[in-house]
Amino acid sequence: MCRNIKTLFNFEPPVTEDEIRASAIQFVRKLSGFSRPSKVNEAAFDLAVDETTAAARKLLQSLVTNAPPRDREVEAARLRQRSLERFGKAPVNPTRAR
């Protein structure tokens, strides 16, 4: 599957609606092969994103764990370190580049 889809369950602070929607968009893009659908496919694409967002939200709200929540900053630091070891450079975070 797509390496860019991130785990959203059991984090502190909890996942936001924007993060759930962003993961749904990535998933629908991967399935459809479109980064941006044509006008004729836009309605179907948007409906798929909405339905995937709803399904992901329902899943995340129904999951249960006894494990303590993971810290987002600690997990991000682990990702950067793993990337440095693997590729010799830290990953680019598109949300921070804006």
PDB file of N, CA and C in Angstrom:
ATOM      1  N   MET A   1       0.852  -1.190   0.000  1.00  0.00           N
ATOM      2  CA  MET A   1       0.000   0.000   0.000  1.00  0.00           C
ATOM      3  C   MET A   1       0.882   1.232   0.000  1.00  0.00           C
ATOM      4  N   CYS A   2       0.336   2.325   0.337  1.00  0.00           N
ATOM      5  CA  CYS A   2       1.023   3.605   0.270  1.00  0.00           C
ATOM      6  C   CYS A   2       1.789   3.887   1.565  1.00  0.00           C
ATOM      7  N   ARG A   3       3.065   4.161   1.473  1.00  0.00           N
ATOM      8  CA  ARG A   3       3.861   4.448   2.665  1.00  0.00           C
ATOM      9  C   ARG A   3       3.500   5.779   3.303  1.00  0.00           C
ATOM     10  N   ASN A   4       2.836   6.659   2.575  1.00  0.00           N
ATOM     11  CA  ASN A   4       2.522   7.979   3.106  1.00  0.00           C
ATOM     12  C   ASN A   4       1.282   8.002   4.000  1.00  0.00           C
ATOM     13  N   ILE A   5       0.524   6.929   4.027  1.00  0.00           N
ATOM     14  CA  ILE A   5      -0.632   6.885   4.911  1.00  0.00           C
ATOM     15  C   ILE A   5      -0.124   6.544   6.310  1.00  0.00           C
ATOM     16  N   LYS A   6      -0.388   7.408   7.259  1.00  0.00           N
ATOM     17  CA  LYS A   6       0.137   7.286   8.609  1.00  0.00           C
ATOM     18  C   LYS A   6      -0.866   6.618   9.540  1.00  0.00           C
ATOM     19  N   THR A   7      -0.335   5.968  10.563  1.00  0.00           N
ATOM     20  CA  THR A   7      -1.164   5.419  11.628  1.00  0.00           C
ATOM     21  C   THR A   7      -1.774   6.586  12.391  1.00  0.00           C
ATOM     22  N   LEU A   8      -3.070   6.515  12.651  1.00  0.00           N
ATOM     23  CA  LEU A   8      -3.759   7.606  13.321  1.00  0.00           C
ATOM     24  C   LEU A   8      -4.308   7.225  14.696  1.00  0.00           C
ATOM     25  N   PHE A   9      -4.246   5.955  15.045  1.00  0.00           N
ATOM     26  CA  PHE A   9      -4.847   5.483  16.291  1.00  0.00           C
ATOM     27  C   PHE A   9      -3.888   5.567  17.465  1.00  0.00           C
ATOM     28  N   ASN A  10      -4.420   5.942  18.611  1.00  0.00           N
ATOM     29  CA  ASN A  10      -3.739   5.924  19.902  1.00  0.00           C
ATOM     30  C   ASN A  10      -2.571   6.901  19.986  1.00  0.00           C
ATOM     31  N   PHE A  11      -2.843   8.139  19.638  1.00  0.00           N
ATOM     32  CA  PHE A  11      -1.854   9.201  19.769  1.00  0.00           C
ATOM     33  C   PHE A  11      -2.351  10.274  20.718  1.00  0.00           C
ATOM     34  N   GLU A  12      -1.413  10.961  21.327  1.00  0.00           N
ATOM     35  CA  GLU A  12      -1.722  12.113  22.165  1.00  0.00           C
ATOM     36  C   GLU A  12      -0.981  13.292  21.582  1.00  0.00           C
ATOM     37  N   PRO A  13      -1.607  14.358  21.182  1.00  0.00           N
ATOM     38  CA  PRO A  13      -3.056  14.573  21.192  1.00  0.00           C
ATOM     39  C   PRO A  13      -3.746  13.687  20.151  1.00  0.00           C
ATOM     40  N   PRO A  14      -5.049  13.443  20.346  1.00  0.00           N
ATOM     41  CA  PRO A  14      -5.788  12.559  19.443  1.00  0.00           C
ATOM     42  C   PRO A  14      -5.836  13.095  18.014  1.00  0.00           C
ATOM     43  N   VAL A  15      -6.155  12.194  17.114  1.00  0.00           N
ATOM     44  CA  VAL A  15      -6.267  12.531  15.704  1.00  0.00           C
ATOM     45  C   VAL A  15      -7.337  13.613  15.495  1.00  0.00           C
ATOM     46  N   THR A  16      -7.099  14.464  14.505  1.00  0.00           N
ATOM     47  CA  THR A  16      -8.078  15.508  14.186  1.00  0.00           C
ATOM     48  C   THR A  16      -8.896  15.093  12.965  1.00  0.00           C
ATOM     49  N   GLU A  17     -10.002  15.762  12.759  1.00  0.00           N
ATOM     50  CA  GLU A  17     -10.839  15.496  11.587  1.00  0.00           C
ATOM     51  C   GLU A  17     -10.059  15.767  10.305  1.00  0.00           C
ATOM     52  N   ASP A  18      -9.235  16.800  10.296  1.00  0.00           N
ATOM     53  CA  ASP A  18      -8.415  17.113   9.114  1.00  0.00           C
ATOM     54  C   ASP A  18      -7.439  15.985   8.788  1.00  0.00           C
ATOM     55  N   GLU A  19      -6.845  15.370   9.808  1.00  0.00           N
ATOM     56  CA  GLU A  19      -5.914  14.269   9.579  1.00  0.00           C
ATOM     57  C   GLU A  19      -6.633  13.039   9.026  1.00  0.00           C
ATOM     58  N   ILE A  20      -7.836  12.773   9.537  1.00  0.00           N
ATOM     59  CA  ILE A  20      -8.618  11.646   9.028  1.00  0.00           C
ATOM     60  C   ILE A  20      -8.957  11.883   7.561  1.00  0.00           C
ATOM     61  N   ARG A  21      -9.406  13.100   7.238  1.00  0.00           N
ATOM     62  CA  ARG A  21      -9.763  13.420   5.852  1.00  0.00           C
ATOM     63  C   ARG A  21      -8.534  13.346   4.938  1.00  0.00           C
ATOM     64  N   ALA A  22      -7.395  13.833   5.407  1.00  0.00           N
ATOM     65  CA  ALA A  22      -6.169  13.785   4.594  1.00  0.00           C
ATOM     66  C   ALA A  22      -5.780  12.341   4.286  1.00  0.00           C
ATOM     67  N   SER A  23      -5.932  11.451   5.260  1.00  0.00           N
ATOM     68  CA  SER A  23      -5.608  10.048   4.994  1.00  0.00           C
ATOM     69  C   SER A  23      -6.600   9.433   4.014  1.00  0.00           C
ATOM     70  N   ALA A  24      -7.870   9.843   4.106  1.00  0.00           N
ATOM     71  CA  ALA A  24      -8.879   9.351   3.157  1.00  0.00           C
ATOM     72  C   ALA A  24      -8.564   9.824   1.742  1.00  0.00           C
ATOM     73  N   ILE A  25      -8.140  11.070   1.607  1.00  0.00           N
ATOM     74  CA  ILE A  25      -7.779  11.605   0.286  1.00  0.00           C
ATOM     75  C   ILE A  25      -6.604  10.814  -0.287  1.00  0.00           C
ATOM     76  N   GLN A  26      -5.584  10.535   0.539  1.00  0.00           N
ATOM     77  CA  GLN A  26      -4.437   9.753   0.072  1.00  0.00           C
ATOM     78  C   GLN A  26      -4.874   8.372  -0.386  1.00  0.00           C
ATOM     79  N   PHE A  27      -5.773   7.749   0.377  1.00  0.00           N
ATOM     80  CA  PHE A  27      -6.242   6.415   0.045  1.00  0.00           C
ATOM     81  C   PHE A  27      -7.005   6.414  -1.277  1.00  0.00           C
ATOM     82  N   VAL A  28      -7.911   7.367  -1.456  1.00  0.00           N
ATOM     83  CA  VAL A  28      -8.700   7.440  -2.692  1.00  0.00           C
ATOM     84  C   VAL A  28      -7.802   7.777  -3.883  1.00  0.00           C
ATOM     85  N   ARG A  29      -6.826   8.644  -3.680  1.00  0.00           N
ATOM     86  CA  ARG A  29      -5.867   8.944  -4.754  1.00  0.00           C
ATOM     87  C   ARG A  29      -5.125   7.688  -5.175  1.00  0.00           C
ATOM     88  N   LYS A  30      -4.696   6.894  -4.201  1.00  0.00           N
ATOM     89  CA  LYS A  30      -3.960   5.670  -4.501  1.00  0.00           C
ATOM     90  C   LYS A  30      -4.838   4.681  -5.265  1.00  0.00           C
ATOM     91  N   LEU A  31      -6.077   4.511  -4.798  1.00  0.00           N
ATOM     92  CA  LEU A  31      -6.982   3.569  -5.455  1.00  0.00           C
ATOM     93  C   LEU A  31      -7.333   3.995  -6.875  1.00  0.00           C
ATOM     94  N   SER A  32      -7.605   5.299  -7.048  1.00  0.00           N
ATOM     95  CA  SER A  32      -8.070   5.784  -8.344  1.00  0.00           C
ATOM     96  C   SER A  32      -6.935   6.033  -9.328  1.00  0.00           C
ATOM     97  N   GLY A  33      -5.750   6.311  -8.803  1.00  0.00           N
ATOM     98  CA  GLY A  33      -4.641   6.661  -9.674  1.00  0.00           C
ATOM     99  C   GLY A  33      -4.635   8.126 -10.064  1.00  0.00           C
ATOM    100  N   PHE A  34      -5.543   8.910  -9.481  1.00  0.00           N
ATOM    101  CA  PHE A  34      -5.627  10.344  -9.763  1.00  0.00           C
ATOM    102  C   PHE A  34      -5.121  11.142  -8.569  1.00  0.00           C
ATOM    103  N   SER A  35      -4.280  12.125  -8.809  1.00  0.00           N
ATOM    104  CA  SER A  35      -3.982  13.064  -7.728  1.00  0.00           C
ATOM    105  C   SER A  35      -5.049  14.156  -7.724  1.00  0.00           C
ATOM    106  N   ARG A  36      -5.533  14.481  -8.913  1.00  0.00           N
ATOM    107  CA  ARG A  36      -6.682  15.383  -9.067  1.00  0.00           C
ATOM    108  C   ARG A  36      -7.570  14.791 -10.155  1.00  0.00           C
ATOM    109  N   PRO A  37      -8.820  14.502  -9.817  1.00  0.00           N
ATOM    110  CA  PRO A  37      -9.696  13.904 -10.824  1.00  0.00           C
ATOM    111  C   PRO A  37     -10.134  14.934 -11.860  1.00  0.00           C
ATOM    112  N   SER A  38     -10.517  14.448 -13.022  1.00  0.00           N
ATOM    113  CA  SER A  38     -11.083  15.325 -14.045  1.00  0.00           C
ATOM    114  C   SER A  38     -12.444  15.805 -13.570  1.00  0.00           C
ATOM    115  N   LYS A  39     -12.969  16.821 -14.223  1.00  0.00           N
ATOM    116  CA  LYS A  39     -14.288  17.365 -13.843  1.00  0.00           C
ATOM    117  C   LYS A  39     -15.362  16.285 -13.871  1.00  0.00           C
ATOM    118  N   VAL A  40     -15.306  15.398 -14.872  1.00  0.00           N
ATOM    119  CA  VAL A  40     -16.329  14.363 -15.007  1.00  0.00           C
ATOM    120  C   VAL A  40     -16.248  13.351 -13.861  1.00  0.00           C
ATOM    121  N   ASN A  41     -15.060  13.165 -13.271  1.00  0.00           N
ATOM    122  CA  ASN A  41     -14.880  12.211 -12.172  1.00  0.00           C
ATOM    123  C   ASN A  41     -14.858  12.859 -10.789  1.00  0.00           C
ATOM    124  N   GLU A  42     -14.943  14.169 -10.742  1.00  0.00           N
ATOM    125  CA  GLU A  42     -14.802  14.890  -9.482  1.00  0.00           C
ATOM    126  C   GLU A  42     -15.867  14.503  -8.449  1.00  0.00           C
ATOM    127  N   ALA A  43     -17.111  14.366  -8.853  1.00  0.00           N
ATOM    128  CA  ALA A  43     -18.187  14.025  -7.919  1.00  0.00           C
ATOM    129  C   ALA A  43     -17.964  12.635  -7.319  1.00  0.00           C
ATOM    130  N   ALA A  44     -17.591  11.674  -8.143  1.00  0.00           N
ATOM    131  CA  ALA A  44     -17.337  10.316  -7.655  1.00  0.00           C
ATOM    132  C   ALA A  44     -16.142  10.299  -6.703  1.00  0.00           C
ATOM    133  N   PHE A  45     -15.102  11.042  -7.047  1.00  0.00           N
ATOM    134  CA  PHE A  45     -13.900  11.134  -6.224  1.00  0.00           C
ATOM    135  C   PHE A  45     -14.249  11.744  -4.864  1.00  0.00           C
ATOM    136  N   ASP A  46     -14.973  12.868  -4.874  1.00  0.00           N
ATOM    137  CA  ASP A  46     -15.352  13.541  -3.628  1.00  0.00           C
ATOM    138  C   ASP A  46     -16.246  12.663  -2.760  1.00  0.00           C
ATOM    139  N   LEU A  47     -17.174  11.944  -3.371  1.00  0.00           N
ATOM    140  CA  LEU A  47     -18.036  11.033  -2.622  1.00  0.00           C
ATOM    141  C   LEU A  47     -17.207   9.921  -1.982  1.00  0.00           C
ATOM    142  N   ALA A  48     -16.252   9.377  -2.715  1.00  0.00           N
ATOM    143  CA  ALA A  48     -15.387   8.334  -2.173  1.00  0.00           C
ATOM    144  C   ALA A  48     -14.569   8.860  -0.994  1.00  0.00           C
ATOM    145  N   VAL A  49     -14.076  10.089  -1.097  1.00  0.00           N
ATOM    146  CA  VAL A  49     -13.318  10.690   0.012  1.00  0.00           C
ATOM    147  C   VAL A  49     -14.226  10.860   1.228  1.00  0.00           C
ATOM    148  N   ASP A  50     -15.441  11.361   1.020  1.00  0.00           N
ATOM    149  CA  ASP A  50     -16.385  11.552   2.136  1.00  0.00           C
ATOM    150  C   ASP A  50     -16.713  10.225   2.815  1.00  0.00           C
ATOM    151  N   GLU A  51     -16.988   9.197   2.025  1.00  0.00           N
ATOM    152  CA  GLU A  51     -17.343   7.895   2.584  1.00  0.00           C
ATOM    153  C   GLU A  51     -16.153   7.231   3.275  1.00  0.00           C
ATOM    154  N   THR A  52     -14.972   7.392   2.717  1.00  0.00           N
ATOM    155  CA  THR A  52     -13.769   6.841   3.334  1.00  0.00           C
ATOM    156  C   THR A  52     -13.452   7.564   4.639  1.00  0.00           C
ATOM    157  N   THR A  53     -13.643   8.882   4.659  1.00  0.00           N
ATOM    158  CA  THR A  53     -13.447   9.654   5.886  1.00  0.00           C
ATOM    159  C   THR A  53     -14.386   9.168   6.975  1.00  0.00           C
ATOM    160  N   ALA A  54     -15.648   8.969   6.631  1.00  0.00           N
ATOM    161  CA  ALA A  54     -16.636   8.502   7.610  1.00  0.00           C
ATOM    162  C   ALA A  54     -16.281   7.109   8.136  1.00  0.00           C
ATOM    163  N   ALA A  55     -15.868   6.220   7.239  1.00  0.00           N
ATOM    164  CA  ALA A  55     -15.489   4.863   7.657  1.00  0.00           C
ATOM    165  C   ALA A  55     -14.256   4.883   8.561  1.00  0.00           C
ATOM    166  N   ALA A  56     -13.274   5.711   8.218  1.00  0.00           N
ATOM    167  CA  ALA A  56     -12.057   5.812   9.031  1.00  0.00           C
ATOM    168  C   ALA A  56     -12.382   6.392  10.406  1.00  0.00           C
ATOM    169  N   ARG A  57     -13.209   7.424  10.450  1.00  0.00           N
ATOM    170  CA  ARG A  57     -13.607   8.023  11.723  1.00  0.00           C
ATOM    171  C   ARG A  57     -14.305   6.990  12.601  1.00  0.00           C
ATOM    172  N   LYS A  58     -15.243   6.246  12.011  1.00  0.00           N
ATOM    173  CA  LYS A  58     -15.984   5.217  12.748  1.00  0.00           C
ATOM    174  C   LYS A  58     -15.025   4.156  13.288  1.00  0.00           C
ATOM    175  N   LEU A  59     -14.083   3.724  12.471  1.00  0.00           N
ATOM    176  CA  LEU A  59     -13.094   2.741  12.902  1.00  0.00           C
ATOM    177  C   LEU A  59     -12.274   3.271  14.076  1.00  0.00           C
ATOM    178  N   LEU A  60     -11.712   4.466  13.930  1.00  0.00           N
ATOM    179  CA  LEU A  60     -10.854   5.023  14.976  1.00  0.00           C
ATOM    180  C   LEU A  60     -11.602   5.222  16.289  1.00  0.00           C
ATOM    181  N   GLN A  61     -12.879   5.593  16.215  1.00  0.00           N
ATOM    182  CA  GLN A  61     -13.676   5.799  17.425  1.00  0.00           C
ATOM    183  C   GLN A  61     -14.056   4.488  18.094  1.00  0.00           C
ATOM    184  N   SER A  62     -14.074   3.389  17.346  1.00  0.00           N
ATOM    185  CA  SER A  62     -14.495   2.112  17.920  1.00  0.00           C
ATOM    186  C   SER A  62     -13.329   1.255  18.413  1.00  0.00           C
ATOM    187  N   LEU A  63     -12.097   1.598  18.041  1.00  0.00           N
ATOM    188  CA  LEU A  63     -10.940   0.818  18.475  1.00  0.00           C
ATOM    189  C   LEU A  63     -10.663   1.036  19.960  1.00  0.00           C
ATOM    190  N   VAL A  64     -10.185  -0.024  20.626  1.00  0.00           N
ATOM    191  CA  VAL A  64      -9.879   0.018  22.054  1.00  0.00           C
ATOM    192  C   VAL A  64      -8.478  -0.543  22.251  1.00  0.00           C
ATOM    193  N   THR A  65      -7.735   0.046  23.159  1.00  0.00           N
ATOM    194  CA  THR A  65      -6.410  -0.457  23.497  1.00  0.00           C
ATOM    195  C   THR A  65      -6.129  -0.190  24.964  1.00  0.00           C
ATOM    196  N   ASN A  66      -5.272  -1.027  25.543  1.00  0.00           N
ATOM    197  CA  ASN A  66      -4.802  -0.813  26.914  1.00  0.00           C
ATOM    198  C   ASN A  66      -3.444  -0.127  26.909  1.00  0.00           C
ATOM    199  N   ALA A  67      -2.853   0.017  25.738  1.00  0.00           N
ATOM    200  CA  ALA A  67      -1.543   0.648  25.616  1.00  0.00           C
ATOM    201  C   ALA A  67      -1.662   2.144  25.853  1.00  0.00           C
ATOM    202  N   PRO A  68      -0.647   2.732  26.451  1.00  0.00           N
ATOM    203  CA  PRO A  68      -0.688   4.186  26.626  1.00  0.00           C
ATOM    204  C   PRO A  68      -0.587   4.884  25.272  1.00  0.00           C
ATOM    205  N   PRO A  69      -1.176   6.075  25.139  1.00  0.00           N
ATOM    206  CA  PRO A  69      -1.096   6.795  23.865  1.00  0.00           C
ATOM    207  C   PRO A  69       0.352   7.130  23.519  1.00  0.00           C
ATOM    208  N   ARG A  70       0.656   7.076  22.223  1.00  0.00           N
ATOM    209  CA  ARG A  70       1.990   7.433  21.748  1.00  0.00           C
ATOM    210  C   ARG A  70       2.055   8.951  21.574  1.00  0.00           C
ATOM    211  N   ASP A  71       3.223   9.483  21.838  1.00  0.00           N
ATOM    212  CA  ASP A  71       3.460  10.918  21.694  1.00  0.00           C
ATOM    213  C   ASP A  71       3.828  11.217  20.243  1.00  0.00           C
ATOM    214  N   ARG A  72       3.133  12.157  19.644  1.00  0.00           N
ATOM    215  CA  ARG A  72       3.368  12.488  18.231  1.00  0.00           C
ATOM    216  C   ARG A  72       4.788  12.955  17.964  1.00  0.00           C
ATOM    217  N   GLU A  73       5.323  13.785  18.866  1.00  0.00           N
ATOM    218  CA  GLU A  73       6.676  14.315  18.653  1.00  0.00           C
ATOM    219  C   GLU A  73       7.727  13.218  18.741  1.00  0.00           C
ATOM    220  N   VAL A  74       7.552  12.288  19.669  1.00  0.00           N
ATOM    221  CA  VAL A  74       8.491  11.175  19.794  1.00  0.00           C
ATOM    222  C   VAL A  74       8.445  10.312  18.540  1.00  0.00           C
ATOM    223  N   GLU A  75       7.241  10.016  18.052  1.00  0.00           N
ATOM    224  CA  GLU A  75       7.105   9.197  16.839  1.00  0.00           C
ATOM    225  C   GLU A  75       7.696   9.910  15.622  1.00  0.00           C
ATOM    226  N   ALA A  76       7.502  11.226  15.532  1.00  0.00           N
ATOM    227  CA  ALA A  76       8.076  11.995  14.421  1.00  0.00           C
ATOM    228  C   ALA A  76       9.607  11.962  14.472  1.00  0.00           C
ATOM    229  N   ALA A  77      10.163  12.056  15.669  1.00  0.00           N
ATOM    230  CA  ALA A  77      11.619  11.998  15.823  1.00  0.00           C
ATOM    231  C   ALA A  77      12.144  10.620  15.405  1.00  0.00           C
ATOM    232  N   ARG A  78      11.415   9.558  15.753  1.00  0.00           N
ATOM    233  CA  ARG A  78      11.817   8.205  15.330  1.00  0.00           C
ATOM    234  C   ARG A  78      11.798   8.085  13.812  1.00  0.00           C
ATOM    235  N   LEU A  79      10.782   8.648  13.185  1.00  0.00           N
ATOM    236  CA  LEU A  79      10.682   8.615  11.729  1.00  0.00           C
ATOM    237  C   LEU A  79      11.854   9.349  11.083  1.00  0.00           C
ATOM    238  N   ARG A  80      12.178  10.521  11.618  1.00  0.00           N
ATOM    239  CA  ARG A  80      13.311  11.286  11.076  1.00  0.00           C
ATOM    240  C   ARG A  80      14.617  10.505  11.229  1.00  0.00           C
ATOM    241  N   GLN A  81      14.823   9.890  12.387  1.00  0.00           N
ATOM    242  CA  GLN A  81      16.043   9.118  12.618  1.00  0.00           C
ATOM    243  C   GLN A  81      16.124   7.918  11.675  1.00  0.00           C
ATOM    244  N   ARG A  82      15.010   7.209  11.507  1.00  0.00           N
ATOM    245  CA  ARG A  82      14.984   6.050  10.603  1.00  0.00           C
ATOM    246  C   ARG A  82      15.271   6.491   9.174  1.00  0.00           C
ATOM    247  N   SER A  83      14.742   7.634   8.780  1.00  0.00           N
ATOM    248  CA  SER A  83      14.981   8.145   7.435  1.00  0.00           C
ATOM    249  C   SER A  83      16.450   8.527   7.248  1.00  0.00           C
ATOM    250  N   LEU A  84      17.031   9.152   8.269  1.00  0.00           N
ATOM    251  CA  LEU A  84      18.449   9.499   8.202  1.00  0.00           C
ATOM    252  C   LEU A  84      19.316   8.252   8.033  1.00  0.00           C
ATOM    253  N   GLU A  85      18.990   7.213   8.790  1.00  0.00           N
ATOM    254  CA  GLU A  85      19.764   5.978   8.701  1.00  0.00           C
ATOM    255  C   GLU A  85      19.584   5.299   7.346  1.00  0.00           C
ATOM    256  N   ARG A  86      18.384   5.371   6.811  1.00  0.00           N
ATOM    257  CA  ARG A  86      18.097   4.674   5.559  1.00  0.00           C
ATOM    258  C   ARG A  86      18.554   5.452   4.333  1.00  0.00           C
ATOM    259  N   PHE A  87      18.274   6.753   4.305  1.00  0.00           N
ATOM    260  CA  PHE A  87      18.523   7.550   3.102  1.00  0.00           C
ATOM    261  C   PHE A  87      19.603   8.617   3.262  1.00  0.00           C
ATOM    262  N   GLY A  88      20.035   8.862   4.482  1.00  0.00           N
ATOM    263  CA  GLY A  88      21.032   9.893   4.710  1.00  0.00           C
ATOM    264  C   GLY A  88      20.468  11.292   4.756  1.00  0.00           C
ATOM    265  N   LYS A  89      19.138  11.411   4.828  1.00  0.00           N
ATOM    266  CA  LYS A  89      18.516  12.728   4.948  1.00  0.00           C
ATOM    267  C   LYS A  89      17.174  12.582   5.653  1.00  0.00           C
ATOM    268  N   ALA A  90      16.744  13.653   6.283  1.00  0.00           N
ATOM    269  CA  ALA A  90      15.455  13.657   6.975  1.00  0.00           C
ATOM    270  C   ALA A  90      14.333  13.843   5.974  1.00  0.00           C
ATOM    271  N   PRO A  91      13.150  13.259   6.237  1.00  0.00           N
ATOM    272  CA  PRO A  91      12.026  13.428   5.308  1.00  0.00           C
ATOM    273  C   PRO A  91      11.528  14.869   5.316  1.00  0.00           C
ATOM    274  N   VAL A  92      10.992  15.283   4.203  1.00  0.00           N
ATOM    275  CA  VAL A  92      10.406  16.616   4.087  1.00  0.00           C
ATOM    276  C   VAL A  92       8.973  16.532   4.580  1.00  0.00           C
ATOM    277  N   ASN A  93       8.598  17.432   5.468  1.00  0.00           N
ATOM    278  CA  ASN A  93       7.242  17.469   5.979  1.00  0.00           C
ATOM    279  C   ASN A  93       6.501  18.560   5.215  1.00  0.00           C
ATOM    280  N   PRO A  94       5.595  18.202   4.285  1.00  0.00           N
ATOM    281  CA  PRO A  94       4.928  19.210   3.452  1.00  0.00           C
ATOM    282  C   PRO A  94       4.084  20.183   4.257  1.00  0.00           C
ATOM    283  N   THR A  95       3.590  19.792   5.441  1.00  0.00           N
ATOM    284  CA  THR A  95       2.762  20.707   6.213  1.00  0.00           C
ATOM    285  C   THR A  95       3.604  21.777   6.878  1.00  0.00           C
ATOM    286  N   ARG A  96       4.881  21.486   7.134  1.00  0.00           N
ATOM    287  CA  ARG A  96       5.753  22.488   7.768  1.00  0.00           C
ATOM    288  C   ARG A  96       6.443  23.390   6.750  1.00  0.00           C
ATOM    289  N   ALA A  97       6.433  22.983   5.478  1.00  0.00           N
ATOM    290  CA  ALA A  97       7.122  23.758   4.438  1.00  0.00           C
ATOM    291  C   ALA A  97       6.314  24.967   4.003  1.00  0.00           C
ATOM    292  N   ARG A  98       5.068  25.044   4.416  1.00  0.00           N
ATOM    293  CA  ARG A  98       4.208  26.160   3.984  1.00  0.00           C
ATOM    294  C   ARG A  98       4.508  27.443   4.658  1.00  0.00           C
TER     295      ARG A  98
END
